[in-house]
Amino acid sequence: MAVRDPATEWVRVQTYRRMTPAERMEIAAQMYDDAIALVRSSILFRTPDIAPDDLEYEVRRRVLPRGLAELTEPMRRARGRDGA
């Protein structure tokens, strides 16, 4: 973890304390969206011709806790067969 200047850290903490919970959640949600976009871009950079369903699986595999994406795979395959 980076070493932070104590004065700067104090300002950051005070700024967050002045925010409403909704404002803090909005920041967290934006950070999550940015992280997903970064992961998706990384996958597309390495495998530009990946199928959309495979791309979404790879994003889940990299973001979710270990093993959880694999649990979603049977549902994804079934959905693909049903055309839903």
N, C-alpha and C. Protein backbone atom coordinates (compact mmCIF):
# COMPACT_ATOMS: atom_id res chain seq x y z
N MET A 1 0.84 -1.18 0.00
CA MET A 1 0.00 0.00 0.00
C MET A 1 0.89 1.24 0.00
N ALA A 2 0.46 2.26 -0.67
CA ALA A 2 1.23 3.48 -0.78
C ALA A 2 1.26 4.22 0.56
N VAL A 3 2.37 4.90 0.80
CA VAL A 3 2.49 5.74 1.98
C VAL A 3 1.84 7.07 1.66
N ARG A 4 0.95 7.50 2.55
CA ARG A 4 0.22 8.74 2.29
C ARG A 4 0.69 9.83 3.26
N ASP A 5 0.70 11.03 2.76
CA ASP A 5 1.01 12.19 3.58
C ASP A 5 -0.11 12.36 4.62
N PRO A 6 0.22 12.46 5.91
CA PRO A 6 -0.82 12.55 6.94
C PRO A 6 -1.77 13.73 6.76
N ALA A 7 -1.27 14.87 6.31
CA ALA A 7 -2.14 16.03 6.10
C ALA A 7 -3.13 15.77 4.97
N THR A 8 -2.65 15.18 3.90
CA THR A 8 -3.52 14.85 2.77
C THR A 8 -4.55 13.80 3.17
N GLU A 9 -4.12 12.83 3.94
CA GLU A 9 -5.03 11.78 4.41
C GLU A 9 -6.13 12.38 5.28
N TRP A 10 -5.78 13.31 6.13
CA TRP A 10 -6.77 13.96 6.99
C TRP A 10 -7.82 14.68 6.15
N VAL A 11 -7.38 15.40 5.12
CA VAL A 11 -8.31 16.10 4.23
C VAL A 11 -9.23 15.09 3.53
N ARG A 12 -8.66 13.99 3.07
CA ARG A 12 -9.46 12.97 2.39
C ARG A 12 -10.52 12.40 3.32
N VAL A 13 -10.14 12.06 4.52
CA VAL A 13 -11.08 11.50 5.49
C VAL A 13 -12.18 12.50 5.81
N GLN A 14 -11.83 13.74 6.02
CA GLN A 14 -12.84 14.76 6.32
C GLN A 14 -13.80 14.95 5.15
N THR A 15 -13.28 14.87 3.94
CA THR A 15 -14.13 15.00 2.75
C THR A 15 -15.15 13.87 2.71
N TYR A 16 -14.70 12.64 2.95
CA TYR A 16 -15.63 11.51 2.95
C TYR A 16 -16.64 11.61 4.09
N ARG A 17 -16.23 12.11 5.23
CA ARG A 17 -17.15 12.24 6.36
C ARG A 17 -18.26 13.25 6.08
N ARG A 18 -17.97 14.24 5.27
CA ARG A 18 -18.99 15.24 4.92
C ARG A 18 -19.99 14.71 3.89
N MET A 19 -19.63 13.66 3.20
CA MET A 19 -20.50 13.10 2.17
C MET A 19 -21.65 12.32 2.80
N THR A 20 -22.75 12.27 2.07
CA THR A 20 -23.85 11.42 2.49
C THR A 20 -23.50 9.97 2.13
N PRO A 21 -24.17 9.01 2.78
CA PRO A 21 -23.94 7.62 2.38
C PRO A 21 -24.20 7.39 0.89
N ALA A 22 -25.20 8.04 0.36
CA ALA A 22 -25.51 7.88 -1.07
C ALA A 22 -24.35 8.38 -1.94
N GLU A 23 -23.73 9.48 -1.55
CA GLU A 23 -22.60 10.00 -2.32
C GLU A 23 -21.42 9.02 -2.27
N ARG A 24 -21.17 8.46 -1.10
CA ARG A 24 -20.07 7.49 -0.99
C ARG A 24 -20.37 6.23 -1.80
N MET A 25 -21.63 5.79 -1.79
CA MET A 25 -22.01 4.62 -2.59
C MET A 25 -21.86 4.90 -4.08
N GLU A 26 -22.19 6.11 -4.49
CA GLU A 26 -22.04 6.48 -5.90
C GLU A 26 -20.57 6.40 -6.32
N ILE A 27 -19.68 6.85 -5.47
CA ILE A 27 -18.24 6.77 -5.76
C ILE A 27 -17.82 5.30 -5.86
N ALA A 28 -18.27 4.47 -4.92
CA ALA A 28 -17.92 3.05 -4.94
C ALA A 28 -18.47 2.37 -6.20
N ALA A 29 -19.70 2.71 -6.57
CA ALA A 29 -20.31 2.12 -7.77
C ALA A 29 -19.54 2.52 -9.02
N GLN A 30 -19.12 3.78 -9.09
CA GLN A 30 -18.34 4.23 -10.25
C GLN A 30 -16.99 3.54 -10.31
N MET A 31 -16.36 3.34 -9.14
CA MET A 31 -15.08 2.63 -9.11
C MET A 31 -15.26 1.19 -9.60
N TYR A 32 -16.36 0.54 -9.19
CA TYR A 32 -16.64 -0.82 -9.63
C TYR A 32 -16.84 -0.85 -11.14
N ASP A 33 -17.64 0.08 -11.66
CA ASP A 33 -17.88 0.13 -13.11
C ASP A 33 -16.57 0.35 -13.87
N ASP A 34 -15.73 1.22 -13.34
CA ASP A 34 -14.43 1.48 -13.99
C ASP A 34 -13.56 0.23 -13.98
N ALA A 35 -13.58 -0.51 -12.87
CA ALA A 35 -12.79 -1.74 -12.77
C ALA A 35 -13.28 -2.78 -13.78
N ILE A 36 -14.60 -2.93 -13.91
CA ILE A 36 -15.16 -3.88 -14.88
C ILE A 36 -14.74 -3.48 -16.29
N ALA A 37 -14.82 -2.18 -16.60
CA ALA A 37 -14.42 -1.71 -17.93
C ALA A 37 -12.95 -2.00 -18.19
N LEU A 38 -12.11 -1.83 -17.17
CA LEU A 38 -10.68 -2.10 -17.32
C LEU A 38 -10.42 -3.58 -17.57
N VAL A 39 -11.11 -4.45 -16.83
CA VAL A 39 -10.96 -5.89 -17.02
C VAL A 39 -11.43 -6.27 -18.43
N ARG A 40 -12.59 -5.75 -18.84
CA ARG A 40 -13.13 -6.05 -20.17
C ARG A 40 -12.15 -5.59 -21.25
N SER A 41 -11.59 -4.40 -21.10
CA SER A 41 -10.63 -3.89 -22.09
C SER A 41 -9.39 -4.76 -22.16
N SER A 42 -8.92 -5.21 -21.01
CA SER A 42 -7.74 -6.07 -20.98
C SER A 42 -7.99 -7.38 -21.73
N ILE A 43 -9.15 -7.97 -21.50
CA ILE A 43 -9.49 -9.23 -22.18
C ILE A 43 -9.58 -8.99 -23.68
N LEU A 44 -10.26 -7.91 -24.08
CA LEU A 44 -10.42 -7.62 -25.51
C LEU A 44 -9.08 -7.30 -26.17
N PHE A 45 -8.17 -6.70 -25.45
CA PHE A 45 -6.85 -6.41 -26.00
C PHE A 45 -6.10 -7.70 -26.30
N ARG A 46 -6.23 -8.67 -25.39
CA ARG A 46 -5.51 -9.94 -25.56
C ARG A 46 -6.20 -10.88 -26.54
N THR A 47 -7.53 -10.84 -26.58
CA THR A 47 -8.29 -11.73 -27.47
C THR A 47 -9.39 -10.91 -28.15
N PRO A 48 -9.04 -10.13 -29.17
CA PRO A 48 -10.00 -9.22 -29.80
C PRO A 48 -11.19 -9.90 -30.46
N ASP A 49 -11.06 -11.16 -30.84
CA ASP A 49 -12.17 -11.83 -31.52
C ASP A 49 -12.97 -12.74 -30.59
N ILE A 50 -12.92 -12.50 -29.29
CA ILE A 50 -13.66 -13.31 -28.32
C ILE A 50 -15.16 -13.09 -28.49
N ALA A 51 -15.93 -14.14 -28.37
CA ALA A 51 -17.39 -14.05 -28.49
C ALA A 51 -17.95 -13.27 -27.29
N PRO A 52 -19.02 -12.52 -27.48
CA PRO A 52 -19.59 -11.72 -26.39
C PRO A 52 -19.91 -12.53 -25.13
N ASP A 53 -20.49 -13.72 -25.27
CA ASP A 53 -20.79 -14.54 -24.10
C ASP A 53 -19.51 -14.99 -23.38
N ASP A 54 -18.50 -15.34 -24.17
CA ASP A 54 -17.23 -15.74 -23.57
C ASP A 54 -16.56 -14.57 -22.87
N LEU A 55 -16.70 -13.38 -23.44
CA LEU A 55 -16.14 -12.18 -22.82
C LEU A 55 -16.78 -11.95 -21.45
N GLU A 56 -18.11 -12.04 -21.39
CA GLU A 56 -18.79 -11.83 -20.11
C GLU A 56 -18.40 -12.89 -19.09
N TYR A 57 -18.22 -14.13 -19.53
CA TYR A 57 -17.77 -15.18 -18.62
C TYR A 57 -16.37 -14.87 -18.09
N GLU A 58 -15.48 -14.44 -18.97
CA GLU A 58 -14.11 -14.12 -18.55
C GLU A 58 -14.08 -12.95 -17.57
N VAL A 59 -14.95 -11.97 -17.80
CA VAL A 59 -15.04 -10.85 -16.85
C VAL A 59 -15.48 -11.38 -15.49
N ARG A 60 -16.53 -12.20 -15.47
CA ARG A 60 -17.01 -12.77 -14.20
C ARG A 60 -15.91 -13.60 -13.54
N ARG A 61 -15.21 -14.40 -14.33
CA ARG A 61 -14.17 -15.26 -13.79
C ARG A 61 -13.07 -14.45 -13.10
N ARG A 62 -12.76 -13.30 -13.66
CA ARG A 62 -11.68 -12.49 -13.10
C ARG A 62 -12.14 -11.60 -11.94
N VAL A 63 -13.42 -11.29 -11.86
CA VAL A 63 -13.90 -10.36 -10.84
C VAL A 63 -14.50 -11.07 -9.63
N LEU A 64 -15.20 -12.16 -9.87
CA LEU A 64 -15.88 -12.86 -8.77
C LEU A 64 -14.88 -13.68 -7.95
N PRO A 65 -15.26 -14.02 -6.72
CA PRO A 65 -14.39 -14.89 -5.91
C PRO A 65 -14.12 -16.20 -6.65
N ARG A 66 -12.95 -16.76 -6.38
CA ARG A 66 -12.50 -17.99 -7.05
C ARG A 66 -13.59 -19.06 -7.02
N GLY A 67 -13.91 -19.60 -8.18
CA GLY A 67 -14.87 -20.68 -8.30
C GLY A 67 -16.30 -20.25 -8.55
N LEU A 68 -16.65 -19.01 -8.23
CA LEU A 68 -18.04 -18.59 -8.37
C LEU A 68 -18.47 -18.46 -9.83
N ALA A 69 -17.58 -17.97 -10.68
CA ALA A 69 -17.93 -17.84 -12.10
C ALA A 69 -18.22 -19.21 -12.71
N GLU A 70 -17.48 -20.22 -12.28
CA GLU A 70 -17.69 -21.57 -12.80
C GLU A 70 -19.09 -22.08 -12.43
N LEU A 71 -19.58 -21.65 -11.27
CA LEU A 71 -20.94 -22.06 -10.88
C LEU A 71 -22.01 -21.44 -11.77
N THR A 72 -21.71 -20.32 -12.40
CA THR A 72 -22.68 -19.66 -13.29
C THR A 72 -22.65 -20.25 -14.70
N GLU A 73 -21.62 -21.00 -15.02
CA GLU A 73 -21.43 -21.50 -16.38
C GLU A 73 -22.57 -22.40 -16.87
N PRO A 74 -23.05 -23.38 -16.09
CA PRO A 74 -24.15 -24.20 -16.58
C PRO A 74 -25.40 -23.38 -16.93
N MET A 75 -25.69 -22.36 -16.13
CA MET A 75 -26.84 -21.51 -16.42
C MET A 75 -26.63 -20.72 -17.70
N ARG A 76 -25.41 -20.23 -17.91
CA ARG A 76 -25.09 -19.48 -19.13
C ARG A 76 -25.26 -20.36 -20.36
N ARG A 77 -24.77 -21.61 -20.26
CA ARG A 77 -24.88 -22.53 -21.40
C ARG A 77 -26.33 -22.89 -21.68
N ALA A 78 -27.12 -23.11 -20.62
CA ALA A 78 -28.53 -23.45 -20.79
C ALA A 78 -29.28 -22.27 -21.44
N ARG A 79 -28.96 -21.07 -21.01
CA ARG A 79 -29.59 -19.87 -21.56
C ARG A 79 -29.27 -19.76 -23.04
N GLY A 80 -28.03 -20.10 -23.42
CA GLY A 80 -27.62 -20.04 -24.82
C GLY A 80 -28.38 -21.03 -25.69
N ARG A 81 -28.66 -22.21 -25.14
CA ARG A 81 -29.42 -23.21 -25.90
C ARG A 81 -30.87 -22.82 -26.06
N ASP A 82 -31.43 -22.15 -25.04
CA ASP A 82 -32.84 -21.75 -25.09
C ASP A 82 -33.05 -20.52 -25.94
N GLY A 83 -31.96 -19.82 -26.24
CA GLY A 83 -32.08 -18.60 -27.04
C GLY A 83 -32.57 -17.41 -26.24
N ALA A 84 -32.61 -17.54 -24.91
CA ALA A 84 -33.11 -16.45 -24.07
C ALA A 84 -32.05 -15.43 -23.81
